[in-house]
Amino acid sequence: MKRIVIILYMLAAGSQAMAGNGVSTIRGKELFSSKSLGTNGKSCSLCHPDGKGLTKAAAYDEGELGEIINQCIKNPLQGKALDPASAEIRSLVMYIKSLVPSARH
């Protein structure tokens, strides 16, 4: 059993290392809960606890979802839009898509 846990840990660490570009669901989750995206002390998770209201997210491609995320950052969070090619926006897209059951494979 201990060996299985160690192997799973190594696989998880390896997948994070392979995401050397900084794109990961873990980073997306951190950003989703962070108040640093805006200037008003709010986070994405304040309006969308546990992914509430994001069930249609899987229907959007990454670019469209990135635009929607940036609109939320600029308006409700009163922050500065992220670069669409940045690891931050791509991580947020990845995380949000992971919240929607139909987006999981």
C-alpha atoms as a PDB file:
ATOM      1  CA  MET A   1       0.000   0.000   0.000  1.00  0.00           C
ATOM      2  CA  LYS A   2       2.817   2.399   0.889  1.00  0.00           C
ATOM      3  CA  ARG A   3       4.464   1.673  -2.452  1.00  0.00           C
ATOM      4  CA  ILE A   4       1.246   2.580  -4.315  1.00  0.00           C
ATOM      5  CA  VAL A   5       1.008   5.884  -2.440  1.00  0.00           C
ATOM      6  CA  ILE A   6       4.626   6.689  -3.295  1.00  0.00           C
ATOM      7  CA  ILE A   7       4.069   5.842  -6.968  1.00  0.00           C
ATOM      8  CA  LEU A   8       0.932   7.998  -7.122  1.00  0.00           C
ATOM      9  CA  TYR A   9       2.810  10.867  -5.493  1.00  0.00           C
ATOM     10  CA  MET A  10       5.650  10.545  -8.003  1.00  0.00           C
ATOM     11  CA  LEU A  11       3.191  10.505 -10.916  1.00  0.00           C
ATOM     12  CA  ALA A  12       1.447  13.616  -9.609  1.00  0.00           C
ATOM     13  CA  ALA A  13       4.747  15.403  -9.085  1.00  0.00           C
ATOM     14  CA  GLY A  14       5.865  14.375 -12.563  1.00  0.00           C
ATOM     15  CA  SER A  15       2.718  15.732 -14.179  1.00  0.00           C
ATOM     16  CA  GLN A  16       3.247  19.044 -12.398  1.00  0.00           C
ATOM     17  CA  ALA A  17       6.858  19.116 -13.558  1.00  0.00           C
ATOM     18  CA  MET A  18       5.708  18.380 -17.115  1.00  0.00           C
ATOM     19  CA  ALA A  19       3.508  21.454 -16.827  1.00  0.00           C
ATOM     20  CA  GLY A  20       6.770  23.399 -16.836  1.00  0.00           C
ATOM     21  CA  ASN A  21       4.955  26.271 -18.475  1.00  0.00           C
ATOM     22  CA  GLY A  22       3.166  26.838 -15.151  1.00  0.00           C
ATOM     23  CA  VAL A  23      -0.246  25.725 -16.431  1.00  0.00           C
ATOM     24  CA  SER A  24      -2.081  23.458 -14.010  1.00  0.00           C
ATOM     25  CA  THR A  25      -5.433  22.921 -12.352  1.00  0.00           C
ATOM     26  CA  ILE A  26      -3.709  23.438  -9.013  1.00  0.00           C
ATOM     27  CA  ARG A  27      -2.548  26.907 -10.075  1.00  0.00           C
ATOM     28  CA  GLY A  28      -6.012  27.599 -11.492  1.00  0.00           C
ATOM     29  CA  LYS A  29      -7.625  26.661  -8.181  1.00  0.00           C
ATOM     30  CA  GLU A  30      -5.219  28.946  -6.313  1.00  0.00           C
ATOM     31  CA  LEU A  31      -6.053  31.852  -8.627  1.00  0.00           C
ATOM     32  CA  PHE A  32      -9.787  31.104  -8.471  1.00  0.00           C
ATOM     33  CA  SER A  33      -9.655  31.479  -4.678  1.00  0.00           C
ATOM     34  CA  SER A  34      -7.214  34.383  -4.664  1.00  0.00           C
ATOM     35  CA  LYS A  35      -8.186  37.985  -4.036  1.00  0.00           C
ATOM     36  CA  SER A  36      -5.125  39.111  -6.020  1.00  0.00           C
ATOM     37  CA  LEU A  37      -6.905  39.105  -9.407  1.00  0.00           C
ATOM     38  CA  GLY A  38      -8.913  42.178  -8.480  1.00  0.00           C
ATOM     39  CA  THR A  39      -8.693  45.331  -6.443  1.00  0.00           C
ATOM     40  CA  ASN A  40     -11.851  45.015  -4.360  1.00  0.00           C
ATOM     41  CA  GLY A  41     -10.906  42.128  -2.065  1.00  0.00           C
ATOM     42  CA  LYS A  42     -13.104  39.576  -3.861  1.00  0.00           C
ATOM     43  CA  SER A  43     -12.238  36.309  -5.574  1.00  0.00           C
ATOM     44  CA  CYS A  44     -13.832  34.172  -8.275  1.00  0.00           C
ATOM     45  CA  SER A  45     -14.828  31.646  -5.617  1.00  0.00           C
ATOM     46  CA  LEU A  46     -16.867  34.266  -3.779  1.00  0.00           C
ATOM     47  CA  CYS A  47     -19.408  34.396  -6.626  1.00  0.00           C
ATOM     48  CA  HIS A  48     -18.881  30.796  -7.735  1.00  0.00           C
ATOM     49  CA  PRO A  49     -18.411  28.657  -4.587  1.00  0.00           C
ATOM     50  CA  ASP A  50     -17.691  25.066  -5.610  1.00  0.00           C
ATOM     51  CA  GLY A  51     -18.157  26.062  -9.260  1.00  0.00           C
ATOM     52  CA  LYS A  52     -21.720  27.339  -8.823  1.00  0.00           C
ATOM     53  CA  GLY A  53     -23.007  28.869 -12.041  1.00  0.00           C
ATOM     54  CA  LEU A  54     -20.257  27.390 -14.191  1.00  0.00           C
ATOM     55  CA  THR A  55     -22.097  24.370 -15.593  1.00  0.00           C
ATOM     56  CA  LYS A  56     -22.026  25.767 -19.138  1.00  0.00           C
ATOM     57  CA  ALA A  57     -18.261  26.335 -19.029  1.00  0.00           C
ATOM     58  CA  ALA A  58     -17.505  23.054 -20.784  1.00  0.00           C
ATOM     59  CA  ALA A  59     -19.373  24.253 -23.864  1.00  0.00           C
ATOM     60  CA  TYR A  60     -16.912  27.087 -24.450  1.00  0.00           C
ATOM     61  CA  ASP A  61     -13.543  26.630 -26.081  1.00  0.00           C
ATOM     62  CA  GLU A  62     -10.487  27.820 -24.161  1.00  0.00           C
ATOM     63  CA  GLY A  63     -10.364  31.186 -25.921  1.00  0.00           C
ATOM     64  CA  GLU A  64     -14.016  32.013 -25.283  1.00  0.00           C
ATOM     65  CA  LEU A  65     -13.811  30.920 -21.663  1.00  0.00           C
ATOM     66  CA  GLY A  66     -10.651  32.980 -21.237  1.00  0.00           C
ATOM     67  CA  GLU A  67     -12.520  36.050 -22.499  1.00  0.00           C
ATOM     68  CA  ILE A  68     -15.370  35.415 -20.068  1.00  0.00           C
ATOM     69  CA  ILE A  69     -12.903  35.015 -17.197  1.00  0.00           C
ATOM     70  CA  ASN A  70     -11.238  38.298 -18.145  1.00  0.00           C
ATOM     71  CA  GLN A  71     -14.615  40.052 -18.169  1.00  0.00           C
ATOM     72  CA  CYS A  72     -15.201  38.802 -14.626  1.00  0.00           C
ATOM     73  CA  ILE A  73     -11.746  39.964 -13.580  1.00  0.00           C
ATOM     74  CA  LYS A  74     -12.260  43.417 -15.116  1.00  0.00           C
ATOM     75  CA  ASN A  75     -15.844  43.981 -13.929  1.00  0.00           C
ATOM     76  CA  PRO A  76     -16.896  42.189 -10.712  1.00  0.00           C
ATOM     77  CA  LEU A  77     -13.328  41.884  -9.380  1.00  0.00           C
ATOM     78  CA  GLN A  78     -12.276  45.312 -10.688  1.00  0.00           C
ATOM     79  CA  GLY A  79      -8.918  43.986 -11.800  1.00  0.00           C
ATOM     80  CA  LYS A  80      -6.725  44.050 -14.878  1.00  0.00           C
ATOM     81  CA  ALA A  81      -7.423  41.492 -17.612  1.00  0.00           C
ATOM     82  CA  LEU A  82      -4.880  38.700 -17.941  1.00  0.00           C
ATOM     83  CA  ASP A  83      -2.911  38.078 -21.121  1.00  0.00           C
ATOM     84  CA  PRO A  84      -4.937  35.450 -23.048  1.00  0.00           C
ATOM     85  CA  ALA A  85      -1.756  33.437 -23.652  1.00  0.00           C
ATOM     86  CA  SER A  86      -0.608  33.569 -20.021  1.00  0.00           C
ATOM     87  CA  ALA A  87      -0.196  30.544 -17.797  1.00  0.00           C
ATOM     88  CA  GLU A  88      -2.585  32.206 -15.340  1.00  0.00           C
ATOM     89  CA  ILE A  89      -5.570  32.429 -17.695  1.00  0.00           C
ATOM     90  CA  ARG A  90      -4.872  28.970 -19.112  1.00  0.00           C
ATOM     91  CA  SER A  91      -4.713  27.551 -15.574  1.00  0.00           C
ATOM     92  CA  LEU A  92      -8.010  29.227 -14.670  1.00  0.00           C
ATOM     93  CA  VAL A  93      -9.624  27.776 -17.806  1.00  0.00           C
ATOM     94  CA  MET A  94      -8.248  24.336 -16.969  1.00  0.00           C
ATOM     95  CA  TYR A  95      -9.504  24.544 -13.386  1.00  0.00           C
ATOM     96  CA  ILE A  96     -12.973  25.798 -14.315  1.00  0.00           C
ATOM     97  CA  LYS A  97     -13.361  23.055 -16.908  1.00  0.00           C
ATOM     98  CA  SER A  98     -12.355  20.518 -14.251  1.00  0.00           C
ATOM     99  CA  LEU A  99     -15.309  21.646 -12.115  1.00  0.00           C
ATOM    100  CA  VAL A 100     -17.843  20.714 -14.770  1.00  0.00           C
ATOM    101  CA  PRO A 101     -18.587  16.952 -14.767  1.00  0.00           C
ATOM    102  CA  SER A 102     -19.183  16.797 -18.533  1.00  0.00           C
ATOM    103  CA  ALA A 103     -15.742  18.314 -19.175  1.00  0.00           C
ATOM    104  CA  ARG A 104     -13.939  15.508 -17.334  1.00  0.00           C
ATOM    105  CA  HIS A 105     -12.706  12.553 -19.333  1.00  0.00           C
END
